[in-house]
């Protein structure tokens, strides 16, 4: 028995279809000049939810987790920053993997 020679079928996970990375990058691009190179281009979860009001918070949380841990080109990253007496999480567009919009 030989190996299959046909091109493998790529099935997008439901969260990828519901919240494509392009949508998140567009939000950053609408708020910052060249978010790939701007070190201050960071958004909190509250910023992202207000920028994408049509998405339920649970779905957005799942999408952010999915895209920051995505095994392909790393486009979205997260870090913890200190704000006053508490730490909070922010997301940013990774400067080394510019998204190729088709």
N, C-alpha and C. Protein backbone atom coordinates (compact mmCIF):
# COMPACT_ATOMS: atom_id res chain seq x y z
N UNK A 1 0.83 -1.18 0.00
CA UNK A 1 0.00 0.00 0.00
C UNK A 1 0.88 1.25 0.00
N UNK A 2 0.62 2.15 -0.92
CA UNK A 2 1.39 3.38 -1.02
C UNK A 2 0.76 4.50 -0.21
N UNK A 3 1.51 5.57 -0.07
CA UNK A 3 1.00 6.74 0.65
C UNK A 3 -0.01 7.45 -0.22
N UNK A 4 -0.91 8.17 0.42
CA UNK A 4 -1.88 8.96 -0.33
C UNK A 4 -1.17 10.12 -0.99
N UNK A 5 -1.42 10.31 -2.27
CA UNK A 5 -0.74 11.38 -2.99
C UNK A 5 -1.60 12.62 -3.16
N UNK A 6 -2.86 12.50 -2.82
CA UNK A 6 -3.71 13.68 -3.00
C UNK A 6 -3.43 14.71 -1.90
N UNK A 7 -3.69 15.96 -2.22
CA UNK A 7 -3.48 17.05 -1.28
C UNK A 7 -4.37 16.85 -0.07
N UNK A 8 -3.81 17.05 1.11
CA UNK A 8 -4.60 16.86 2.32
C UNK A 8 -5.64 17.95 2.46
N UNK A 9 -6.76 17.60 2.98
CA UNK A 9 -7.87 18.53 3.18
C UNK A 9 -7.65 19.28 4.48
N UNK A 10 -7.69 20.59 4.42
CA UNK A 10 -7.50 21.39 5.63
C UNK A 10 -8.86 21.82 6.14
N UNK A 11 -9.21 21.33 7.30
CA UNK A 11 -10.48 21.68 7.93
C UNK A 11 -10.22 22.77 8.95
N UNK A 12 -10.86 23.92 8.77
CA UNK A 12 -10.69 25.01 9.73
C UNK A 12 -11.53 24.73 10.96
N UNK A 13 -10.94 24.90 12.15
CA UNK A 13 -11.73 24.76 13.38
C UNK A 13 -12.84 25.81 13.40
N UNK A 14 -13.90 25.53 14.11
CA UNK A 14 -15.05 26.44 14.18
C UNK A 14 -14.65 27.83 14.66
N UNK A 15 -13.74 27.91 15.63
CA UNK A 15 -13.35 29.21 16.17
C UNK A 15 -12.61 30.03 15.11
N UNK A 16 -11.87 29.35 14.22
CA UNK A 16 -11.17 30.05 13.14
C UNK A 16 -12.17 30.66 12.15
N UNK A 17 -13.25 29.96 11.92
CA UNK A 17 -14.30 30.49 11.02
C UNK A 17 -15.09 31.59 11.71
N UNK A 18 -15.35 31.44 13.01
CA UNK A 18 -16.16 32.42 13.75
C UNK A 18 -15.41 33.73 13.97
N UNK A 19 -14.12 33.64 14.29
CA UNK A 19 -13.30 34.82 14.57
C UNK A 19 -11.97 34.68 13.83
N UNK A 20 -11.97 35.00 12.53
CA UNK A 20 -10.71 34.89 11.78
C UNK A 20 -9.67 35.88 12.28
N UNK A 21 -8.41 35.49 12.19
CA UNK A 21 -7.31 36.35 12.65
C UNK A 21 -7.33 37.69 11.93
N UNK A 22 -7.77 37.71 10.68
CA UNK A 22 -7.84 38.96 9.93
C UNK A 22 -8.72 39.99 10.64
N UNK A 23 -9.75 39.53 11.26
CA UNK A 23 -10.67 40.42 11.97
C UNK A 23 -9.98 41.07 13.17
N UNK A 24 -9.20 40.30 13.88
CA UNK A 24 -8.47 40.83 15.04
C UNK A 24 -7.39 41.80 14.58
N UNK A 25 -6.65 41.44 13.53
CA UNK A 25 -5.61 42.32 13.01
C UNK A 25 -6.21 43.62 12.49
N UNK A 26 -7.38 43.56 11.85
CA UNK A 26 -8.06 44.78 11.38
C UNK A 26 -8.37 45.72 12.55
N UNK A 27 -8.76 45.16 13.69
CA UNK A 27 -9.02 45.99 14.87
C UNK A 27 -7.75 46.72 15.30
N UNK A 28 -6.63 46.02 15.35
CA UNK A 28 -5.36 46.66 15.70
C UNK A 28 -5.00 47.73 14.67
N UNK A 29 -5.19 47.42 13.40
CA UNK A 29 -4.84 48.36 12.33
C UNK A 29 -5.72 49.60 12.36
N UNK A 30 -6.95 49.47 12.82
CA UNK A 30 -7.84 50.63 12.90
C UNK A 30 -7.48 51.56 14.06
N UNK A 31 -6.76 51.02 15.03
CA UNK A 31 -6.40 51.82 16.21
C UNK A 31 -4.95 52.30 16.23
N UNK A 32 -4.09 51.64 15.47
CA UNK A 32 -2.66 51.97 15.50
C UNK A 32 -2.09 52.02 14.09
N UNK A 33 -1.10 52.90 13.90
CA UNK A 33 -0.34 52.91 12.65
C UNK A 33 0.60 51.72 12.68
N UNK A 34 0.52 50.88 11.67
CA UNK A 34 1.37 49.70 11.52
C UNK A 34 1.57 48.95 12.85
N UNK A 35 0.54 48.24 13.30
CA UNK A 35 0.64 47.54 14.59
C UNK A 35 1.73 46.48 14.64
N UNK A 36 2.24 46.06 13.48
CA UNK A 36 3.32 45.07 13.46
C UNK A 36 4.62 45.66 14.00
N UNK A 37 4.82 46.96 13.79
CA UNK A 37 6.07 47.60 14.18
C UNK A 37 5.93 48.57 15.34
N UNK A 38 4.72 48.83 15.77
CA UNK A 38 4.46 49.80 16.83
C UNK A 38 4.51 49.10 18.20
N UNK A 39 5.53 49.37 19.01
CA UNK A 39 5.64 48.68 20.30
C UNK A 39 4.54 49.05 21.30
N UNK A 40 3.83 50.13 21.07
CA UNK A 40 2.74 50.49 21.98
C UNK A 40 1.37 50.01 21.49
N UNK A 41 1.35 49.23 20.42
CA UNK A 41 0.09 48.72 19.86
C UNK A 41 -0.37 47.49 20.64
N UNK A 42 -0.92 47.76 21.81
CA UNK A 42 -1.42 46.70 22.70
C UNK A 42 -2.88 46.99 23.04
N UNK A 43 -3.67 45.93 23.11
CA UNK A 43 -5.08 46.08 23.48
C UNK A 43 -5.41 45.13 24.62
N UNK A 44 -6.16 45.64 25.58
CA UNK A 44 -6.64 44.80 26.67
C UNK A 44 -7.87 44.03 26.19
N UNK A 45 -8.31 43.09 26.99
CA UNK A 45 -9.51 42.34 26.64
C UNK A 45 -10.71 43.27 26.52
N UNK A 46 -10.79 44.26 27.39
CA UNK A 46 -11.89 45.23 27.33
C UNK A 46 -11.84 46.04 26.02
N UNK A 47 -10.63 46.43 25.59
CA UNK A 47 -10.47 47.13 24.32
C UNK A 47 -10.94 46.27 23.16
N UNK A 48 -10.59 45.00 23.20
CA UNK A 48 -10.94 44.09 22.10
C UNK A 48 -12.45 43.84 22.10
N UNK A 49 -13.04 43.63 23.26
CA UNK A 49 -14.49 43.40 23.29
C UNK A 49 -15.26 44.63 22.84
N UNK A 50 -14.78 45.82 23.18
CA UNK A 50 -15.48 47.03 22.73
C UNK A 50 -15.27 47.25 21.23
N UNK A 51 -14.14 46.79 20.69
CA UNK A 51 -13.86 46.93 19.27
C UNK A 51 -14.57 45.90 18.40
N UNK A 52 -14.97 44.80 19.01
CA UNK A 52 -15.70 43.73 18.31
C UNK A 52 -16.99 43.42 19.08
N UNK A 53 -17.89 44.40 19.16
CA UNK A 53 -19.08 44.24 20.02
C UNK A 53 -20.06 43.17 19.57
N UNK A 54 -19.98 42.72 18.34
CA UNK A 54 -20.90 41.70 17.86
C UNK A 54 -20.53 40.28 18.29
N UNK A 55 -19.36 40.13 18.91
CA UNK A 55 -18.92 38.80 19.34
C UNK A 55 -19.16 38.61 20.83
N UNK A 56 -19.72 37.46 21.21
CA UNK A 56 -19.88 37.17 22.64
C UNK A 56 -18.51 37.07 23.31
N UNK A 57 -18.44 37.50 24.57
CA UNK A 57 -17.17 37.51 25.30
C UNK A 57 -16.54 36.13 25.38
N UNK A 58 -17.35 35.10 25.59
CA UNK A 58 -16.81 33.74 25.70
C UNK A 58 -16.17 33.31 24.39
N UNK A 59 -16.80 33.65 23.28
CA UNK A 59 -16.26 33.29 21.97
C UNK A 59 -14.96 34.05 21.70
N UNK A 60 -14.92 35.31 22.11
CA UNK A 60 -13.73 36.12 21.94
C UNK A 60 -12.58 35.60 22.80
N UNK A 61 -12.87 35.21 24.03
CA UNK A 61 -11.85 34.61 24.90
C UNK A 61 -11.27 33.36 24.26
N UNK A 62 -12.15 32.53 23.73
CA UNK A 62 -11.71 31.29 23.07
C UNK A 62 -10.85 31.61 21.85
N UNK A 63 -11.24 32.61 21.07
CA UNK A 63 -10.49 32.98 19.87
C UNK A 63 -9.11 33.53 20.23
N UNK A 64 -9.04 34.37 21.24
CA UNK A 64 -7.75 34.94 21.64
C UNK A 64 -6.81 33.84 22.14
N UNK A 65 -7.34 32.91 22.89
CA UNK A 65 -6.54 31.77 23.36
C UNK A 65 -6.08 30.93 22.18
N UNK A 66 -6.99 30.69 21.25
CA UNK A 66 -6.66 29.90 20.07
C UNK A 66 -5.57 30.57 19.24
N UNK A 67 -5.75 31.85 18.93
CA UNK A 67 -4.81 32.53 18.03
C UNK A 67 -3.45 32.79 18.68
N UNK A 68 -3.39 32.96 19.99
CA UNK A 68 -2.07 33.15 20.62
C UNK A 68 -1.31 31.83 20.71
N UNK A 69 -2.01 30.72 20.71
CA UNK A 69 -1.36 29.41 20.77
C UNK A 69 -1.34 28.69 19.45
N UNK A 70 -1.73 29.37 18.37
CA UNK A 70 -1.82 28.77 17.05
C UNK A 70 -0.46 28.23 16.61
N UNK A 71 -0.45 27.04 16.02
CA UNK A 71 0.80 26.41 15.63
C UNK A 71 1.38 26.94 14.32
N UNK A 72 0.61 27.71 13.57
CA UNK A 72 1.11 28.26 12.31
C UNK A 72 1.93 29.51 12.55
N UNK A 73 1.96 30.40 11.57
CA UNK A 73 2.67 31.67 11.75
C UNK A 73 2.13 32.38 12.98
N UNK A 74 3.01 32.81 13.83
CA UNK A 74 2.59 33.48 15.05
C UNK A 74 2.27 34.93 14.72
N UNK A 75 0.99 35.26 14.77
CA UNK A 75 0.53 36.61 14.43
C UNK A 75 0.11 37.37 15.68
N UNK A 76 -0.53 36.69 16.61
CA UNK A 76 -1.04 37.33 17.81
C UNK A 76 -0.29 36.81 19.03
N UNK A 77 0.15 37.73 19.89
CA UNK A 77 0.85 37.36 21.11
C UNK A 77 0.20 38.07 22.29
N UNK A 78 0.53 37.61 23.48
CA UNK A 78 -0.02 38.21 24.69
C UNK A 78 1.08 38.34 25.73
N UNK A 79 0.89 39.26 26.64
CA UNK A 79 1.82 39.42 27.75
C UNK A 79 1.08 40.04 28.93
N UNK A 80 1.70 39.95 30.08
CA UNK A 80 1.12 40.54 31.29
C UNK A 80 1.87 41.84 31.56
N UNK A 81 1.12 42.89 31.83
CA UNK A 81 1.71 44.19 32.15
C UNK A 81 1.22 44.61 33.52
N UNK A 82 2.05 45.39 34.20
CA UNK A 82 1.66 45.90 35.51
C UNK A 82 0.93 47.22 35.33
N UNK A 83 -0.25 47.29 35.92
CA UNK A 83 -1.02 48.53 35.91
C UNK A 83 -1.39 48.84 37.35
N UNK A 84 -0.68 49.77 37.93
CA UNK A 84 -0.96 50.10 39.32
C UNK A 84 -0.59 48.94 40.22
N UNK A 85 -1.58 48.47 40.98
CA UNK A 85 -1.32 47.40 41.93
C UNK A 85 -1.69 46.02 41.40
N UNK A 86 -2.20 45.96 40.18
CA UNK A 86 -2.57 44.65 39.64
C UNK A 86 -1.97 44.45 38.27
N UNK A 87 -1.82 43.19 37.91
CA UNK A 87 -1.33 42.84 36.59
C UNK A 87 -2.52 42.65 35.66
N UNK A 88 -2.35 43.02 34.41
CA UNK A 88 -3.40 42.75 33.45
C UNK A 88 -2.77 42.24 32.16
N UNK A 89 -3.57 41.58 31.39
CA UNK A 89 -3.10 40.95 30.17
C UNK A 89 -3.43 41.83 28.98
N UNK A 90 -2.50 41.94 28.04
CA UNK A 90 -2.73 42.67 26.79
C UNK A 90 -2.30 41.78 25.63
N UNK A 91 -2.85 42.07 24.46
CA UNK A 91 -2.51 41.36 23.24
C UNK A 91 -1.86 42.33 22.28
N UNK A 92 -1.00 41.80 21.42
CA UNK A 92 -0.35 42.63 20.41
C UNK A 92 -0.10 41.77 19.17
N UNK A 93 0.07 42.45 18.03
CA UNK A 93 0.34 41.77 16.77
C UNK A 93 1.84 41.55 16.70
N UNK A 94 2.23 40.31 16.49
CA UNK A 94 3.64 39.94 16.49
C UNK A 94 4.34 40.54 15.28
N UNK A 95 5.38 41.31 15.50
CA UNK A 95 6.07 42.03 14.44
C UNK A 95 6.85 41.19 13.46
N UNK A 96 7.09 39.92 13.76
CA UNK A 96 7.89 39.10 12.87
C UNK A 96 7.06 38.29 11.87
N UNK A 97 5.75 38.25 12.05
CA UNK A 97 4.89 37.49 11.14
C UNK A 97 3.76 38.37 10.62
N UNK A 98 4.06 39.12 9.60
CA UNK A 98 3.04 39.99 9.01
C UNK A 98 2.01 39.12 8.31
N UNK A 99 0.75 39.32 8.63
CA UNK A 99 -0.34 38.55 8.06
C UNK A 99 -0.44 38.82 6.57
N UNK A 100 -0.57 37.75 5.80
CA UNK A 100 -0.73 37.90 4.36
C UNK A 100 -2.21 37.89 4.03
N UNK A 101 -2.77 39.06 3.77
CA UNK A 101 -4.19 39.16 3.44
C UNK A 101 -4.35 38.85 1.96
N UNK A 102 -5.28 37.97 1.67
CA UNK A 102 -5.49 37.54 0.29
C UNK A 102 -6.49 38.39 -0.42
